């Protein structure tokens, strides 16, 4: 849950930093998964289209990463993070 100071920062600046929103073990899994996702987009293996995430196409912008929970990325850790207890305390 957000502290009084975090809530004040949110109302003043529109954001606050939640240092405890990611468990250290989850962070250790998210970092390499993020690098793999970047590699998949840059190589064209996974391409974000107007309708969905696809594989094997050229793509218009290989540097946008959308839909990380899409099965095409094969990185379930992103979906696990979205439902993790530390994150849900702040959502």
PDB file of N, CA and C in Angstrom:
ATOM      1  N   UNK A   1       0.843  -1.172   0.000  1.00  0.00           N
ATOM      2  CA  UNK A   1       0.000   0.000   0.000  1.00  0.00           C
ATOM      3  C   UNK A   1       0.894   1.243   0.000  1.00  0.00           C
ATOM      4  N   UNK A   2       0.458   2.249  -0.679  1.00  0.00           N
ATOM      5  CA  UNK A   2       1.232   3.485  -0.795  1.00  0.00           C
ATOM      6  C   UNK A   2       1.288   4.206   0.550  1.00  0.00           C
ATOM      7  N   UNK A   3       2.449   4.784   0.815  1.00  0.00           N
ATOM      8  CA  UNK A   3       2.621   5.566   2.037  1.00  0.00           C
ATOM      9  C   UNK A   3       2.024   6.959   1.849  1.00  0.00           C
ATOM     10  N   UNK A   4       1.923   7.692   2.940  1.00  0.00           N
ATOM     11  CA  UNK A   4       1.413   9.064   2.876  1.00  0.00           C
ATOM     12  C   UNK A   4       2.302   9.902   1.964  1.00  0.00           C
ATOM     13  N   UNK A   5       3.622   9.733   2.089  1.00  0.00           N
ATOM     14  CA  UNK A   5       4.557  10.491   1.259  1.00  0.00           C
ATOM     15  C   UNK A   5       4.410  10.146  -0.224  1.00  0.00           C
ATOM     16  N   UNK A   6       4.220   8.869  -0.516  1.00  0.00           N
ATOM     17  CA  UNK A   6       4.033   8.463  -1.918  1.00  0.00           C
ATOM     18  C   UNK A   6       2.750   9.062  -2.485  1.00  0.00           C
ATOM     19  N   UNK A   7       1.679   9.045  -1.697  1.00  0.00           N
ATOM     20  CA  UNK A   7       0.416   9.625  -2.162  1.00  0.00           C
ATOM     21  C   UNK A   7       0.556  11.129  -2.396  1.00  0.00           C
ATOM     22  N   UNK A   8       1.265  11.811  -1.515  1.00  0.00           N
ATOM     23  CA  UNK A   8       1.483  13.240  -1.710  1.00  0.00           C
ATOM     24  C   UNK A   8       2.281  13.498  -2.982  1.00  0.00           C
ATOM     25  N   UNK A   9       3.316  12.675  -3.221  1.00  0.00           N
ATOM     26  CA  UNK A   9       4.101  12.830  -4.445  1.00  0.00           C
ATOM     27  C   UNK A   9       3.225  12.559  -5.659  1.00  0.00           C
ATOM     28  N   UNK A  10       2.365  11.557  -5.569  1.00  0.00           N
ATOM     29  CA  UNK A  10       1.471  11.238  -6.689  1.00  0.00           C
ATOM     30  C   UNK A  10       0.564  12.427  -7.002  1.00  0.00           C
ATOM     31  N   UNK A  11      -0.020  13.017  -5.975  1.00  0.00           N
ATOM     32  CA  UNK A  11      -0.919  14.156  -6.212  1.00  0.00           C
ATOM     33  C   UNK A  11      -0.173  15.389  -6.704  1.00  0.00           C
ATOM     34  N   UNK A  12       1.074  15.564  -6.260  1.00  0.00           N
ATOM     35  CA  UNK A  12       1.872  16.713  -6.687  1.00  0.00           C
ATOM     36  C   UNK A  12       2.490  16.531  -8.072  1.00  0.00           C
ATOM     37  N   UNK A  13       3.024  15.322  -8.347  1.00  0.00           N
ATOM     38  CA  UNK A  13       3.799  15.100  -9.569  1.00  0.00           C
ATOM     39  C   UNK A  13       3.144  14.134 -10.562  1.00  0.00           C
ATOM     40  N   UNK A  14       2.130  13.408 -10.114  1.00  0.00           N
ATOM     41  CA  UNK A  14       1.454  12.467 -11.009  1.00  0.00           C
ATOM     42  C   UNK A  14       2.062  11.081 -11.023  1.00  0.00           C
ATOM     43  N   UNK A  15       3.029  10.825 -10.153  1.00  0.00           N
ATOM     44  CA  UNK A  15       3.648   9.503 -10.050  1.00  0.00           C
ATOM     45  C   UNK A  15       4.319   9.374  -8.686  1.00  0.00           C
ATOM     46  N   UNK A  16       4.626   8.155  -8.313  1.00  0.00           N
ATOM     47  CA  UNK A  16       5.511   7.914  -7.177  1.00  0.00           C
ATOM     48  C   UNK A  16       6.304   6.653  -7.459  1.00  0.00           C
ATOM     49  N   UNK A  17       7.422   6.529  -6.805  1.00  0.00           N
ATOM     50  CA  UNK A  17       8.301   5.380  -7.000  1.00  0.00           C
ATOM     51  C   UNK A  17       8.007   4.363  -5.905  1.00  0.00           C
ATOM     52  N   UNK A  18       7.688   3.157  -6.313  1.00  0.00           N
ATOM     53  CA  UNK A  18       7.391   2.072  -5.378  1.00  0.00           C
ATOM     54  C   UNK A  18       8.559   1.090  -5.423  1.00  0.00           C
ATOM     55  N   UNK A  19       9.525   1.300  -4.547  1.00  0.00           N
ATOM     56  CA  UNK A  19      10.722   0.455  -4.535  1.00  0.00           C
ATOM     57  C   UNK A  19      10.412  -1.004  -4.243  1.00  0.00           C
ATOM     58  N   UNK A  20       9.286  -1.268  -3.616  1.00  0.00           N
ATOM     59  CA  UNK A  20       8.961  -2.639  -3.228  1.00  0.00           C
ATOM     60  C   UNK A  20       7.927  -3.286  -4.151  1.00  0.00           C
ATOM     61  N   UNK A  21       7.738  -2.751  -5.351  1.00  0.00           N
ATOM     62  CA  UNK A  21       6.725  -3.290  -6.266  1.00  0.00           C
ATOM     63  C   UNK A  21       7.210  -4.508  -7.046  1.00  0.00           C
ATOM     64  N   UNK A  22       8.500  -4.818  -6.934  1.00  0.00           N
ATOM     65  CA  UNK A  22       9.048  -5.987  -7.620  1.00  0.00           C
ATOM     66  C   UNK A  22       9.881  -6.781  -6.632  1.00  0.00           C
ATOM     67  N   UNK A  23       9.512  -8.027  -6.441  1.00  0.00           N
ATOM     68  CA  UNK A  23      10.297  -8.924  -5.603  1.00  0.00           C
ATOM     69  C   UNK A  23      11.660  -9.147  -6.264  1.00  0.00           C
ATOM     70  N   UNK A  24      12.716  -9.252  -5.480  1.00  0.00           N
ATOM     71  CA  UNK A  24      14.070  -9.370  -6.045  1.00  0.00           C
ATOM     72  C   UNK A  24      14.222 -10.606  -6.933  1.00  0.00           C
ATOM     73  N   UNK A  25      13.570 -11.718  -6.575  1.00  0.00           N
ATOM     74  CA  UNK A  25      13.643 -12.909  -7.429  1.00  0.00           C
ATOM     75  C   UNK A  25      12.926 -12.678  -8.756  1.00  0.00           C
ATOM     76  N   UNK A  26      11.796 -11.961  -8.698  1.00  0.00           N
ATOM     77  CA  UNK A  26      11.060 -11.649  -9.920  1.00  0.00           C
ATOM     78  C   UNK A  26      11.886 -10.710 -10.793  1.00  0.00           C
ATOM     79  N   UNK A  27      12.546  -9.738 -10.177  1.00  0.00           N
ATOM     80  CA  UNK A  27      13.385  -8.815 -10.937  1.00  0.00           C
ATOM     81  C   UNK A  27      14.508  -9.561 -11.639  1.00  0.00           C
ATOM     82  N   UNK A  28      15.079 -10.544 -10.962  1.00  0.00           N
ATOM     83  CA  UNK A  28      16.146 -11.347 -11.568  1.00  0.00           C
ATOM     84  C   UNK A  28      15.638 -12.102 -12.792  1.00  0.00           C
ATOM     85  N   UNK A  29      14.364 -12.434 -12.842  1.00  0.00           N
ATOM     86  CA  UNK A  29      13.776 -13.107 -14.010  1.00  0.00           C
ATOM     87  C   UNK A  29      13.327 -12.103 -15.072  1.00  0.00           C
ATOM     88  N   UNK A  30      12.862 -10.926 -14.647  1.00  0.00           N
ATOM     89  CA  UNK A  30      12.370  -9.920 -15.590  1.00  0.00           C
ATOM     90  C   UNK A  30      13.488  -9.292 -16.422  1.00  0.00           C
ATOM     91  N   UNK A  31      14.624  -9.074 -15.829  1.00  0.00           N
ATOM     92  CA  UNK A  31      15.715  -8.417 -16.567  1.00  0.00           C
ATOM     93  C   UNK A  31      16.149  -9.208 -17.801  1.00  0.00           C
ATOM     94  N   UNK A  32      16.484 -10.498 -17.695  1.00  0.00           N
ATOM     95  CA  UNK A  32      16.865 -11.216 -18.914  1.00  0.00           C
ATOM     96  C   UNK A  32      15.693 -11.415 -19.880  1.00  0.00           C
ATOM     97  N   UNK A  33      14.473 -11.534 -19.345  1.00  0.00           N
ATOM     98  CA  UNK A  33      13.307 -11.664 -20.223  1.00  0.00           C
ATOM     99  C   UNK A  33      13.123 -10.390 -21.043  1.00  0.00           C
ATOM    100  N   UNK A  34      13.388  -9.248 -20.439  1.00  0.00           N
ATOM    101  CA  UNK A  34      13.289  -7.974 -21.163  1.00  0.00           C
ATOM    102  C   UNK A  34      14.305  -7.905 -22.296  1.00  0.00           C
ATOM    103  N   UNK A  35      15.514  -8.336 -22.018  1.00  0.00           N
ATOM    104  CA  UNK A  35      16.552  -8.338 -23.063  1.00  0.00           C
ATOM    105  C   UNK A  35      16.189  -9.290 -24.203  1.00  0.00           C
ATOM    106  N   UNK A  36      15.632 -10.450 -23.857  1.00  0.00           N
ATOM    107  CA  UNK A  36      15.207 -11.394 -24.908  1.00  0.00           C
ATOM    108  C   UNK A  36      14.073 -10.796 -25.738  1.00  0.00           C
ATOM    109  N   UNK A  37      13.142 -10.088 -25.085  1.00  0.00           N
ATOM    110  CA  UNK A  37      12.036  -9.462 -25.821  1.00  0.00           C
ATOM    111  C   UNK A  37      12.563  -8.405 -26.784  1.00  0.00           C
ATOM    112  N   UNK A  38      13.509  -7.607 -26.343  1.00  0.00           N
ATOM    113  CA  UNK A  38      14.112  -6.602 -27.224  1.00  0.00           C
ATOM    114  C   UNK A  38      14.762  -7.283 -28.420  1.00  0.00           C
ATOM    115  N   UNK A  39      15.502  -8.345 -28.178  1.00  0.00           N
ATOM    116  CA  UNK A  39      16.153  -9.074 -29.273  1.00  0.00           C
ATOM    117  C   UNK A  39      15.128  -9.622 -30.262  1.00  0.00           C
ATOM    118  N   UNK A  40      14.007 -10.141 -29.760  1.00  0.00           N
ATOM    119  CA  UNK A  40      12.973 -10.699 -30.641  1.00  0.00           C
ATOM    120  C   UNK A  40      12.334  -9.626 -31.511  1.00  0.00           C
ATOM    121  N   UNK A  41      12.127  -8.439 -30.951  1.00  0.00           N
ATOM    122  CA  UNK A  41      11.539  -7.348 -31.733  1.00  0.00           C
ATOM    123  C   UNK A  41      12.543  -6.823 -32.754  1.00  0.00           C
ATOM    124  N   UNK A  42      13.763  -6.604 -32.323  1.00  0.00           N
ATOM    125  CA  UNK A  42      14.775  -6.047 -33.238  1.00  0.00           C
ATOM    126  C   UNK A  42      15.106  -7.000 -34.380  1.00  0.00           C
ATOM    127  N   UNK A  43      15.046  -8.297 -34.115  1.00  0.00           N
ATOM    128  CA  UNK A  43      15.348  -9.266 -35.165  1.00  0.00           C
ATOM    129  C   UNK A  43      14.179  -9.491 -36.115  1.00  0.00           C
ATOM    130  N   UNK A  44      12.977  -9.051 -35.715  1.00  0.00           N
ATOM    131  CA  UNK A  44      11.787  -9.288 -36.525  1.00  0.00           C
ATOM    132  C   UNK A  44      11.107 -10.596 -36.196  1.00  0.00           C
ATOM    133  N   UNK A  45      11.626 -11.346 -35.226  1.00  0.00           N
ATOM    134  CA  UNK A  45      10.998 -12.607 -34.824  1.00  0.00           C
ATOM    135  C   UNK A  45       9.593 -12.366 -34.288  1.00  0.00           C
ATOM    136  N   UNK A  46       9.417 -11.298 -33.525  1.00  0.00           N
ATOM    137  CA  UNK A  46       8.102 -10.887 -33.028  1.00  0.00           C
ATOM    138  C   UNK A  46       7.878  -9.464 -33.512  1.00  0.00           C
ATOM    139  N   UNK A  47       6.748  -9.234 -34.176  1.00  0.00           N
ATOM    140  CA  UNK A  47       6.455  -7.938 -34.768  1.00  0.00           C
ATOM    141  C   UNK A  47       5.113  -7.448 -34.264  1.00  0.00           C
ATOM    142  N   UNK A  48       5.072  -6.197 -33.817  1.00  0.00           N
ATOM    143  CA  UNK A  48       3.822  -5.586 -33.387  1.00  0.00           C
ATOM    144  C   UNK A  48       3.121  -5.007 -34.601  1.00  0.00           C
ATOM    145  N   UNK A  49       1.947  -5.518 -34.917  1.00  0.00           N
ATOM    146  CA  UNK A  49       1.153  -4.995 -36.017  1.00  0.00           C
ATOM    147  C   UNK A  49      -0.011  -4.193 -35.474  1.00  0.00           C
ATOM    148  N   UNK A  50      -0.829  -3.652 -36.357  1.00  0.00           N
ATOM    149  CA  UNK A  50      -1.970  -2.854 -35.919  1.00  0.00           C
ATOM    150  C   UNK A  50      -2.997  -3.705 -35.191  1.00  0.00           C
ATOM    151  N   UNK A  51      -3.136  -4.957 -35.609  1.00  0.00           N
ATOM    152  CA  UNK A  51      -4.170  -5.801 -35.033  1.00  0.00           C
ATOM    153  C   UNK A  51      -3.679  -6.674 -33.895  1.00  0.00           C
ATOM    154  N   UNK A  52      -2.415  -7.067 -33.928  1.00  0.00           N
ATOM    155  CA  UNK A  52      -1.938  -8.008 -32.926  1.00  0.00           C
ATOM    156  C   UNK A  52      -0.422  -8.100 -32.960  1.00  0.00           C
ATOM    157  N   UNK A  53       0.095  -8.940 -32.105  1.00  0.00           N
ATOM    158  CA  UNK A  53       1.510  -9.271 -32.122  1.00  0.00           C
ATOM    159  C   UNK A  53       1.653 -10.468 -33.054  1.00  0.00           C
ATOM    160  N   UNK A  54       2.628 -10.444 -33.935  1.00  0.00           N
ATOM    161  CA  UNK A  54       2.825 -11.554 -34.856  1.00  0.00           C
ATOM    162  C   UNK A  54       4.282 -11.958 -34.908  1.00  0.00           C
ATOM    163  N   UNK A  55       4.559 -12.996 -35.625  1.00  0.00           N
ATOM    164  CA  UNK A  55       5.943 -13.437 -35.753  1.00  0.00           C
ATOM    165  C   UNK A  55       6.353 -13.457 -37.214  1.00  0.00           C
ATOM    166  N   UNK A  56       7.641 -13.263 -37.432  1.00  0.00           N
ATOM    167  CA  UNK A  56       8.206 -13.473 -38.749  1.00  0.00           C
ATOM    168  C   UNK A  56       8.040 -12.359 -39.761  1.00  0.00           C
ATOM    169  N   UNK A  57       7.336 -11.275 -39.429  1.00  0.00           N
ATOM    170  CA  UNK A  57       7.129 -10.215 -40.399  1.00  0.00           C
ATOM    171  C   UNK A  57       8.135  -9.097 -40.245  1.00  0.00           C
ATOM    172  N   UNK A  58       8.199  -8.190 -41.231  1.00  0.00           N
ATOM    173  CA  UNK A  58       9.183  -7.124 -41.171  1.00  0.00           C
ATOM    174  C   UNK A  58       8.861  -6.049 -40.143  1.00  0.00           C
ATOM    175  N   UNK A  59       7.598  -5.727 -39.941  1.00  0.00           N
ATOM    176  CA  UNK A  59       7.214  -4.708 -38.964  1.00  0.00           C
ATOM    177  C   UNK A  59       7.608  -3.312 -39.405  1.00  0.00           C
ATOM    178  N   UNK A  60       6.839  -2.342 -38.989  1.00  0.00           N
ATOM    179  CA  UNK A  60       7.130  -0.953 -39.327  1.00  0.00           C
ATOM    180  C   UNK A  60       8.080  -0.315 -38.326  1.00  0.00           C
ATOM    181  N   UNK A  61       8.008  -0.723 -37.080  1.00  0.00           N
ATOM    182  CA  UNK A  61       8.854  -0.123 -36.051  1.00  0.00           C
ATOM    183  C   UNK A  61       9.340  -1.225 -35.118  1.00  0.00           C
ATOM    184  N   UNK A  62      10.517  -1.726 -35.370  1.00  0.00           N
ATOM    185  CA  UNK A  62      11.040  -2.859 -34.611  1.00  0.00           C
ATOM    186  C   UNK A  62      11.504  -2.466 -33.215  1.00  0.00           C
ATOM    187  N   UNK A  63      11.352  -1.214 -32.838  1.00  0.00           N
ATOM    188  CA  UNK A  63      11.823  -0.788 -31.528  1.00  0.00           C
ATOM    189  C   UNK A  63      10.696  -0.538 -30.551  1.00  0.00           C
ATOM    190  N   UNK A  64       9.439  -0.698 -30.994  1.00  0.00           N
ATOM    191  CA  UNK A  64       8.307  -0.649 -30.079  1.00  0.00           C
ATOM    192  C   UNK A  64       8.075  -2.046 -29.553  1.00  0.00           C
ATOM    193  N   UNK A  65       7.912  -2.151 -28.260  1.00  0.00           N
ATOM    194  CA  UNK A  65       7.615  -3.455 -27.678  1.00  0.00           C
ATOM    195  C   UNK A  65       6.240  -3.362 -27.045  1.00  0.00           C
ATOM    196  N   UNK A  66       5.295  -4.048 -27.647  1.00  0.00           N
ATOM    197  CA  UNK A  66       3.919  -4.069 -27.183  1.00  0.00           C
ATOM    198  C   UNK A  66       3.528  -5.499 -26.842  1.00  0.00           C
ATOM    199  N   UNK A  67       2.609  -5.655 -25.940  1.00  0.00           N
ATOM    200  CA  UNK A  67       2.032  -6.961 -25.681  1.00  0.00           C
ATOM    201  C   UNK A  67       3.001  -7.982 -25.126  1.00  0.00           C
ATOM    202  N   UNK A  68       3.796  -7.600 -24.143  1.00  0.00           N
ATOM    203  CA  UNK A  68       4.791  -8.533 -23.615  1.00  0.00           C
ATOM    204  C   UNK A  68       4.186  -9.800 -23.026  1.00  0.00           C
ATOM    205  N   UNK A  69       2.903  -9.758 -22.681  1.00  0.00           N
ATOM    206  CA  UNK A  69       2.282 -10.976 -22.156  1.00  0.00           C
ATOM    207  C   UNK A  69       1.752 -11.872 -23.274  1.00  0.00           C
ATOM    208  N   UNK A  70       1.874 -11.420 -24.525  1.00  0.00           N
ATOM    209  CA  UNK A  70       1.441 -12.235 -25.655  1.00  0.00           C
ATOM    210  C   UNK A  70       2.272 -13.509 -25.740  1.00  0.00           C
ATOM    211  N   UNK A  71       1.622 -14.639 -26.020  1.00  0.00           N
ATOM    212  CA  UNK A  71       2.360 -15.910 -26.112  1.00  0.00           C
ATOM    213  C   UNK A  71       3.492 -15.904 -27.138  1.00  0.00           C
ATOM    214  N   UNK A  72       3.433 -15.033 -28.127  1.00  0.00           N
ATOM    215  CA  UNK A  72       4.483 -14.991 -29.149  1.00  0.00           C
ATOM    216  C   UNK A  72       5.852 -14.675 -28.548  1.00  0.00           C
ATOM    217  N   UNK A  73       5.869 -13.943 -27.448  1.00  0.00           N
ATOM    218  CA  UNK A  73       7.143 -13.635 -26.801  1.00  0.00           C
ATOM    219  C   UNK A  73       7.677 -14.822 -26.019  1.00  0.00           C
ATOM    220  N   UNK A  74       6.791 -15.720 -25.611  1.00  0.00           N
ATOM    221  CA  UNK A  74       7.182 -16.885 -24.819  1.00  0.00           C
ATOM    222  C   UNK A  74       7.955 -16.466 -23.561  1.00  0.00           C
ATOM    223  N   UNK A  75       7.435 -15.444 -22.890  1.00  0.00           N
ATOM    224  CA  UNK A  75       8.038 -14.918 -21.663  1.00  0.00           C
ATOM    225  C   UNK A  75       6.942 -14.784 -20.603  1.00  0.00           C
ATOM    226  N   UNK A  76       6.519 -15.887 -19.997  1.00  0.00           N
ATOM    227  CA  UNK A  76       5.414 -15.828 -19.031  1.00  0.00           C
ATOM    228  C   UNK A  76       5.713 -15.003 -17.788  1.00  0.00           C
ATOM    229  N   UNK A  77       6.960 -14.663 -17.546  1.00  0.00           N
ATOM    230  CA  UNK A  77       7.301 -13.897 -16.348  1.00  0.00           C
ATOM    231  C   UNK A  77       6.628 -12.525 -16.350  1.00  0.00           C
ATOM    232  N   UNK A  78       6.337 -11.954 -17.511  1.00  0.00           N
ATOM    233  CA  UNK A  78       5.666 -10.655 -17.555  1.00  0.00           C
ATOM    234  C   UNK A  78       4.237 -10.764 -17.025  1.00  0.00           C
ATOM    235  N   UNK A  79       3.517 -11.802 -17.397  1.00  0.00           N
ATOM    236  CA  UNK A  79       2.162 -12.015 -16.877  1.00  0.00           C
ATOM    237  C   UNK A  79       2.214 -12.350 -15.387  1.00  0.00           C
ATOM    238  N   UNK A  80       3.206 -13.124 -14.983  1.00  0.00           N
ATOM    239  CA  UNK A  80       3.364 -13.441 -13.568  1.00  0.00           C
ATOM    240  C   UNK A  80       3.573 -12.158 -12.755  1.00  0.00           C
ATOM    241  N   UNK A  81       4.362 -11.246 -13.295  1.00  0.00           N
ATOM    242  CA  UNK A  81       4.603  -9.988 -12.595  1.00  0.00           C
ATOM    243  C   UNK A  81       3.318  -9.186 -12.450  1.00  0.00           C
ATOM    244  N   UNK A  82       2.507  -9.133 -13.502  1.00  0.00           N
ATOM    245  CA  UNK A  82       1.275  -8.342 -13.450  1.00  0.00           C
ATOM    246  C   UNK A  82       0.304  -8.826 -12.385  1.00  0.00           C
ATOM    247  N   UNK A  83       0.439 -10.080 -11.970  1.00  0.00           N
ATOM    248  CA  UNK A  83      -0.442 -10.605 -10.926  1.00  0.00           C
ATOM    249  C   UNK A  83       0.314 -10.891  -9.630  1.00  0.00           C
ATOM    250  N   UNK A  84       1.521 -10.351  -9.499  1.00  0.00           N
ATOM    251  CA  UNK A  84       2.321 -10.612  -8.307  1.00  0.00           C
ATOM    252  C   UNK A  84       1.818  -9.787  -7.119  1.00  0.00           C
ATOM    253  N   UNK A  85       1.963 -10.332  -5.951  1.00  0.00           N
ATOM    254  CA  UNK A  85       1.485  -9.683  -4.734  1.00  0.00           C
ATOM    255  C   UNK A  85       2.142  -8.328  -4.490  1.00  0.00           C
ATOM    256  N   UNK A  86       3.467  -8.190  -4.683  1.00  0.00           N
ATOM    257  CA  UNK A  86       4.052  -6.864  -4.449  1.00  0.00           C
ATOM    258  C   UNK A  86       3.465  -5.776  -5.353  1.00  0.00           C
ATOM    259  N   UNK A  87       3.201  -6.092  -6.611  1.00  0.00           N
ATOM    260  CA  UNK A  87       2.628  -5.092  -7.511  1.00  0.00           C
ATOM    261  C   UNK A  87       1.176  -4.808  -7.130  1.00  0.00           C
ATOM    262  N   UNK A  88       0.426  -5.856  -6.825  1.00  0.00           N
ATOM    263  CA  UNK A  88      -0.997  -5.662  -6.505  1.00  0.00           C
ATOM    264  C   UNK A  88      -1.210  -4.821  -5.248  1.00  0.00           C
ATOM    265  N   UNK A  89      -0.220  -4.778  -4.376  1.00  0.00           N
ATOM    266  CA  UNK A  89      -0.341  -3.900  -3.188  1.00  0.00           C
ATOM    267  C   UNK A  89      -0.436  -2.434  -3.606  1.00  0.00           C
ATOM    268  N   UNK A  90       0.120  -2.086  -4.747  1.00  0.00           N
ATOM    269  CA  UNK A  90       0.164  -0.687  -5.184  1.00  0.00           C
ATOM    270  C   UNK A  90      -0.888  -0.348  -6.249  1.00  0.00           C
ATOM    271  N   UNK A  91      -1.547  -1.345  -6.761  1.00  0.00           N
ATOM    272  CA  UNK A  91      -2.504  -1.100  -7.846  1.00  0.00           C
ATOM    273  C   UNK A  91      -3.891  -0.873  -7.286  1.00  0.00           C
TER     274      UNK A  91
END
